[in-house]
Amino acid sequence: MRHNYKNLKIWQMGISIANDISDLLLDFPKHERYDLSSQISRCSVSMPSNIAEGSSRTDKSFSHFLDISLGSSFELITQLLIAKYRKHINETQFNQLEIKIEEFQRMTMGFQNGLK
């Protein structure tokens, strides 16, 4: 069965997180542009992108792409922790994103379990 990724709540949430991250990165210092902020951006974009790519595959293959998307989400939280430690984001910004990313993870794992 193929899935229309645009109708998937996990894809929509991934897009929302990527947009939140893009807005957040506008305030990052220039010296982080090619390091931490670039990595954060790539992770956030990877989350919905892998859902979209996997949606055109078989359920077994789609599950693999969901694993990649989930991996990117865990990597993103780690990078946001580093950004918080470096004082590029504050506690409130971090907490709001962490809650949203953890919800994405729960929803994605639930969706993935339904594929099996």
C-alpha atoms as a PDB file:
ATOM      1  CA  MET A   1       0.000   0.000   0.000  1.00  0.00           C
ATOM      2  CA  ARG A   2       1.302   3.447  -0.907  1.00  0.00           C
ATOM      3  CA  HIS A   3       0.671   6.468   1.303  1.00  0.00           C
ATOM      4  CA  ASN A   4      -0.023  10.075   0.354  1.00  0.00           C
ATOM      5  CA  TYR A   5       2.620  11.728   2.512  1.00  0.00           C
ATOM      6  CA  LYS A   6       0.908  15.129   2.417  1.00  0.00           C
ATOM      7  CA  ASN A   7      -2.062  13.618   4.277  1.00  0.00           C
ATOM      8  CA  LEU A   8       0.081  12.032   7.000  1.00  0.00           C
ATOM      9  CA  LYS A   9       0.016  13.864  10.339  1.00  0.00           C
ATOM     10  CA  ILE A  10       3.632  12.819  10.966  1.00  0.00           C
ATOM     11  CA  TRP A  11       4.750  14.492   7.729  1.00  0.00           C
ATOM     12  CA  GLN A  12       2.759  17.632   8.556  1.00  0.00           C
ATOM     13  CA  MET A  13       4.307  17.757  12.025  1.00  0.00           C
ATOM     14  CA  GLY A  14       7.770  17.233  10.525  1.00  0.00           C
ATOM     15  CA  ILE A  15       7.216  20.196   8.212  1.00  0.00           C
ATOM     16  CA  SER A  16       6.073  22.290  11.163  1.00  0.00           C
ATOM     17  CA  ILE A  17       9.203  21.372  13.159  1.00  0.00           C
ATOM     18  CA  ALA A  18      11.459  22.146  10.177  1.00  0.00           C
ATOM     19  CA  ASN A  19       9.818  25.562   9.856  1.00  0.00           C
ATOM     20  CA  ASP A  20      10.183  26.238  13.596  1.00  0.00           C
ATOM     21  CA  ILE A  21      13.859  25.315  13.353  1.00  0.00           C
ATOM     22  CA  SER A  22      14.367  27.581  10.347  1.00  0.00           C
ATOM     23  CA  ASP A  23      12.920  30.508  12.298  1.00  0.00           C
ATOM     24  CA  LEU A  24      15.054  29.664  15.336  1.00  0.00           C
ATOM     25  CA  LEU A  25      18.265  29.543  13.307  1.00  0.00           C
ATOM     26  CA  LEU A  26      17.840  33.144  12.138  1.00  0.00           C
ATOM     27  CA  ASP A  27      19.139  34.247  15.540  1.00  0.00           C
ATOM     28  CA  PHE A  28      22.142  31.914  15.665  1.00  0.00           C
ATOM     29  CA  PRO A  29      25.590  33.533  15.594  1.00  0.00           C
ATOM     30  CA  LYS A  30      27.330  33.717  12.231  1.00  0.00           C
ATOM     31  CA  HIS A  31      30.237  31.567  13.418  1.00  0.00           C
ATOM     32  CA  GLU A  32      27.821  28.630  13.799  1.00  0.00           C
ATOM     33  CA  ARG A  33      26.420  28.969  10.265  1.00  0.00           C
ATOM     34  CA  TYR A  34      28.474  26.147   8.763  1.00  0.00           C
ATOM     35  CA  ASP A  35      28.655  23.981  11.841  1.00  0.00           C
ATOM     36  CA  LEU A  36      25.901  23.520  14.381  1.00  0.00           C
ATOM     37  CA  SER A  37      23.166  25.526  12.659  1.00  0.00           C
ATOM     38  CA  SER A  38      23.767  23.759   9.347  1.00  0.00           C
ATOM     39  CA  GLN A  39      23.562  20.359  11.043  1.00  0.00           C
ATOM     40  CA  ILE A  40      20.406  21.332  12.928  1.00  0.00           C
ATOM     41  CA  SER A  41      18.813  22.480   9.692  1.00  0.00           C
ATOM     42  CA  ARG A  42      19.712  19.270   7.847  1.00  0.00           C
ATOM     43  CA  CYS A  43      18.266  17.099  10.625  1.00  0.00           C
ATOM     44  CA  SER A  44      15.000  18.999  10.748  1.00  0.00           C
ATOM     45  CA  VAL A  45      14.601  18.831   6.959  1.00  0.00           C
ATOM     46  CA  SER A  46      15.483  15.121   6.966  1.00  0.00           C
ATOM     47  CA  MET A  47      12.529  14.258   9.192  1.00  0.00           C
ATOM     48  CA  PRO A  48       9.666  15.064   6.771  1.00  0.00           C
ATOM     49  CA  SER A  49      11.817  14.372   3.705  1.00  0.00           C
ATOM     50  CA  ASN A  50      12.352  10.731   4.654  1.00  0.00           C
ATOM     51  CA  ILE A  51       8.651  10.311   5.352  1.00  0.00           C
ATOM     52  CA  ALA A  52       7.865  11.687   1.895  1.00  0.00           C
ATOM     53  CA  GLU A  53      10.459   9.497   0.181  1.00  0.00           C
ATOM     54  CA  GLY A  54       9.434   6.364   2.058  1.00  0.00           C
ATOM     55  CA  SER A  55       5.741   6.877   1.375  1.00  0.00           C
ATOM     56  CA  SER A  56       6.227   5.821  -2.235  1.00  0.00           C
ATOM     57  CA  ARG A  57       7.703   2.466  -1.195  1.00  0.00           C
ATOM     58  CA  THR A  58       6.385  -0.792   0.168  1.00  0.00           C
ATOM     59  CA  ASP A  59       5.436  -0.788   3.844  1.00  0.00           C
ATOM     60  CA  LYS A  60       8.618  -2.695   4.746  1.00  0.00           C
ATOM     61  CA  SER A  61      10.778  -0.154   2.936  1.00  0.00           C
ATOM     62  CA  PHE A  62       8.696   2.737   4.305  1.00  0.00           C
ATOM     63  CA  SER A  63       9.440   1.492   7.813  1.00  0.00           C
ATOM     64  CA  HIS A  64      13.170   1.849   7.087  1.00  0.00           C
ATOM     65  CA  PHE A  65      12.665   5.478   5.996  1.00  0.00           C
ATOM     66  CA  LEU A  66      10.678   6.111   9.175  1.00  0.00           C
ATOM     67  CA  ASP A  67      13.661   4.762  11.137  1.00  0.00           C
ATOM     68  CA  ILE A  68      15.875   7.319   9.405  1.00  0.00           C
ATOM     69  CA  SER A  69      13.377  10.087  10.143  1.00  0.00           C
ATOM     70  CA  LEU A  70      13.257   9.053  13.805  1.00  0.00           C
ATOM     71  CA  GLY A  71      17.048   8.957  13.962  1.00  0.00           C
ATOM     72  CA  SER A  72      17.169  12.503  12.641  1.00  0.00           C
ATOM     73  CA  SER A  73      14.683  13.593  15.308  1.00  0.00           C
ATOM     74  CA  PHE A  74      16.820  12.163  18.118  1.00  0.00           C
ATOM     75  CA  GLU A  75      19.905  13.762  16.595  1.00  0.00           C
ATOM     76  CA  LEU A  76      18.024  17.068  16.425  1.00  0.00           C
ATOM     77  CA  ILE A  77      17.224  17.021  20.151  1.00  0.00           C
ATOM     78  CA  THR A  78      20.890  16.361  20.908  1.00  0.00           C
ATOM     79  CA  GLN A  79      21.978  19.281  18.740  1.00  0.00           C
ATOM     80  CA  LEU A  80      19.402  21.548  20.361  1.00  0.00           C
ATOM     81  CA  LEU A  81      20.810  20.554  23.771  1.00  0.00           C
ATOM     82  CA  ILE A  82      24.243  21.621  22.531  1.00  0.00           C
ATOM     83  CA  ALA A  83      22.770  24.899  21.245  1.00  0.00           C
ATOM     84  CA  LYS A  84      21.171  25.475  24.662  1.00  0.00           C
ATOM     85  CA  TYR A  85      24.458  24.734  26.417  1.00  0.00           C
ATOM     86  CA  ARG A  86      26.195  27.247  24.122  1.00  0.00           C
ATOM     87  CA  LYS A  87      23.432  29.750  24.929  1.00  0.00           C
ATOM     88  CA  HIS A  88      22.213  30.052  21.333  1.00  0.00           C
ATOM     89  CA  ILE A  89      18.714  29.134  22.517  1.00  0.00           C
ATOM     90  CA  ASN A  90      17.086  29.519  25.903  1.00  0.00           C
ATOM     91  CA  GLU A  91      15.393  26.969  28.131  1.00  0.00           C
ATOM     92  CA  THR A  92      11.903  27.908  26.947  1.00  0.00           C
ATOM     93  CA  GLN A  93      12.791  27.590  23.276  1.00  0.00           C
ATOM     94  CA  PHE A  94      14.427  24.238  23.909  1.00  0.00           C
ATOM     95  CA  ASN A  95      11.506  22.909  25.973  1.00  0.00           C
ATOM     96  CA  GLN A  96       8.900  23.913  23.378  1.00  0.00           C
ATOM     97  CA  LEU A  97      10.826  22.190  20.587  1.00  0.00           C
ATOM     98  CA  GLU A  98      11.604  19.131  22.682  1.00  0.00           C
ATOM     99  CA  ILE A  99       7.906  18.624  23.453  1.00  0.00           C
ATOM    100  CA  LYS A 100       7.011  18.929  19.775  1.00  0.00           C
ATOM    101  CA  ILE A 101       9.814  16.598  18.644  1.00  0.00           C
ATOM    102  CA  GLU A 102       8.933  13.993  21.280  1.00  0.00           C
ATOM    103  CA  GLU A 103       5.301  14.094  20.100  1.00  0.00           C
ATOM    104  CA  PHE A 104       6.575  13.591  16.523  1.00  0.00           C
ATOM    105  CA  GLN A 105       8.567  10.581  17.748  1.00  0.00           C
ATOM    106  CA  ARG A 106       5.577   9.010  19.520  1.00  0.00           C
ATOM    107  CA  MET A 107       3.312   9.531  16.518  1.00  0.00           C
ATOM    108  CA  THR A 108       5.907   8.204  14.082  1.00  0.00           C
ATOM    109  CA  MET A 109       6.599   5.088  16.167  1.00  0.00           C
ATOM    110  CA  GLY A 110       2.851   4.453  16.460  1.00  0.00           C
ATOM    111  CA  PHE A 111       2.399   4.851  12.708  1.00  0.00           C
ATOM    112  CA  GLN A 112       5.394   2.589  12.061  1.00  0.00           C
ATOM    113  CA  ASN A 113       3.981  -0.107  14.346  1.00  0.00           C
ATOM    114  CA  GLY A 114       0.787  -0.010  12.301  1.00  0.00           C
ATOM    115  CA  LEU A 115       2.746  -0.859   9.132  1.00  0.00           C
ATOM    116  CA  LYS A 116       3.920  -4.212  10.495  1.00  0.00           C
END
